[in-house]
Structure formats: structure tokens, C-alpha cells
Amino acid sequence: MNICGCLVHVAPDQASAARSAMTAFDGVEVHAESDDSRFVVVVEDTPTRLASEIIMDLHQIPGVVSLTLTYHHFEDLAETRPRPETPSQDSSRRPLS
């Protein structure tokens, strides 16, 4: 799982078109928009594209002045699943005497 939070600043006269273009991408969600044409956008990997590739494409949308990565979370889902073949670890607590 790869999640990127971005702040996208767009030229005010192109905000509506840029919003439509951003939401047309798979893996992109617009969560907020300010009066001065700044957008809070979350970008995630899709089955066919990496979030980093999608972010590079967002830079190319007409009217986008800047795009800043403000949050990034990566987690290998295979590592977070319990593995039955892995023995459980002893508790870190000391035995009561």
C-alpha cells in the first residue's frame, strides 16, 4: 500500500478544469479545495500504475502551478499479515516471582 498526500496549487482561472482532470485519474481523490485554488489530494498506487507516476502526470495538468508531497505512507501488506509458520514470540514481560 502506497499513499501520498499532496497539496496542489492551481491557477484560479483553471481550478474547475484542473479539478475535473485530477478526479479523472484512477487512484486520485480530491479531499478539499480552498478559495485560493489549492487542493488537498490523496494519490494511491493502482493495480497498473505507481502513485509516483500518477503524481508526475498531475504536474502536467494545465493550470497546475505546483504540487507538493506533504505526506507519504508505504506499507508492504505481505509483511503485515500474520504468518502461521512463524513461531510466536515470548512476551517481554518478566515472570512474576
Protein backbone atom coordinates (compact mmCIF):
# COMPACT_ATOMS: atom_id res chain seq x y z
CA MET A 1 0.00 0.00 0.00
CA ASN A 2 1.40 3.36 -1.02
CA ILE A 3 -0.45 6.53 -0.03
CA CYS A 4 0.68 10.07 -0.86
CA GLY A 5 -0.92 13.25 0.44
CA CYS A 6 -0.30 16.24 -1.81
CA LEU A 7 -1.05 19.95 -1.85
CA VAL A 8 -1.77 21.11 -5.40
CA HIS A 9 -1.80 24.83 -6.19
CA VAL A 10 -3.69 25.69 -9.38
CA ALA A 11 -4.14 28.94 -11.32
CA PRO A 12 -7.55 30.30 -10.20
CA ASP A 13 -8.93 30.61 -13.72
CA GLN A 14 -8.23 26.91 -14.36
CA ALA A 15 -9.30 25.45 -11.00
CA SER A 16 -12.51 23.84 -12.20
CA ALA A 17 -10.90 22.17 -15.21
CA ALA A 18 -7.91 21.04 -13.14
CA ARG A 19 -10.22 19.53 -10.50
CA SER A 20 -12.04 17.56 -13.20
CA ALA A 21 -8.75 16.39 -14.68
CA MET A 22 -7.39 15.29 -11.28
CA THR A 23 -10.50 13.31 -10.37
CA ALA A 24 -10.43 11.55 -13.75
CA PHE A 25 -7.26 9.69 -12.71
CA ASP A 26 -7.66 6.29 -11.05
CA GLY A 27 -6.04 6.41 -7.62
CA VAL A 28 -6.67 10.14 -7.08
CA GLU A 29 -9.12 11.65 -4.60
CA VAL A 30 -9.61 15.38 -4.05
CA HIS A 31 -10.42 15.86 -0.36
CA ALA A 32 -10.54 19.65 -0.07
CA GLU A 33 -10.35 22.84 -2.08
CA SER A 34 -9.62 26.32 -0.78
CA ASP A 35 -10.85 29.66 -2.11
CA ASP A 36 -7.37 30.39 -3.49
CA SER A 37 -7.34 27.26 -5.72
CA ARG A 38 -5.34 24.92 -3.53
CA PHE A 39 -6.38 21.30 -3.39
CA VAL A 40 -5.69 18.57 -0.85
CA VAL A 41 -5.25 15.41 -2.92
CA VAL A 42 -4.57 11.81 -1.97
CA VAL A 43 -2.82 9.61 -4.53
CA GLU A 44 -2.59 5.82 -4.18
CA ASP A 45 -0.97 3.08 -6.21
CA THR A 46 -3.37 1.36 -8.59
CA PRO A 47 -3.02 -2.15 -9.99
CA THR A 48 -1.49 -0.69 -13.15
CA ARG A 49 0.36 2.45 -12.02
CA LEU A 50 2.53 3.63 -9.17
CA ALA A 51 1.49 6.69 -7.18
CA SER A 52 4.74 8.39 -8.19
CA GLU A 53 3.80 8.03 -11.88
CA ILE A 54 0.36 9.46 -11.23
CA ILE A 55 1.88 12.41 -9.34
CA MET A 56 4.15 13.15 -12.29
CA ASP A 57 1.08 13.20 -14.56
CA LEU A 58 -0.75 15.55 -12.19
CA HIS A 59 2.12 18.03 -12.66
CA GLN A 60 1.24 18.14 -16.37
CA ILE A 61 -2.38 19.22 -15.92
CA PRO A 62 -2.89 22.70 -17.41
CA GLY A 63 -3.07 25.29 -14.65
CA VAL A 64 -1.12 23.33 -12.04
CA VAL A 65 1.38 25.79 -10.58
CA SER A 66 2.90 23.44 -8.01
CA LEU A 67 2.39 20.07 -6.41
CA THR A 68 3.98 19.32 -3.06
CA LEU A 69 4.18 15.89 -1.44
CA THR A 70 3.20 16.55 2.17
CA TYR A 71 2.60 13.01 3.45
CA HIS A 72 3.79 9.58 2.40
CA HIS A 73 2.95 6.17 3.84
CA PHE A 74 4.22 2.89 2.46
CA GLU A 75 3.38 -0.50 3.86
CA ASP A 76 4.13 -3.90 2.39
CA LEU A 77 0.85 -5.70 3.02
CA ALA A 78 2.55 -9.08 2.82
CA GLU A 79 4.65 -8.15 5.86
CA THR A 80 1.65 -7.11 7.95
CA ARG A 81 -0.23 -10.40 7.65
CA PRO A 82 0.33 -12.99 10.34
CA ARG A 83 2.43 -15.88 9.16
CA PRO A 84 1.27 -19.21 10.59
CA GLU A 85 4.72 -20.77 10.08
CA THR A 86 6.35 -18.08 12.25
CA PRO A 87 6.55 -19.11 15.90
CA SER A 88 5.03 -16.62 18.29
CA GLN A 89 7.46 -14.53 20.27
CA ASP A 90 7.73 -14.72 24.02
CA SER A 91 6.25 -11.87 25.95
CA SER A 92 8.65 -9.14 27.00
CA ARG A 93 7.19 -9.24 30.50
CA ARG A 94 9.24 -10.77 33.22
CA PRO A 95 7.66 -13.66 35.06
CA LEU A 96 6.19 -12.84 38.42
CA SER A 97 8.17 -14.28 41.32
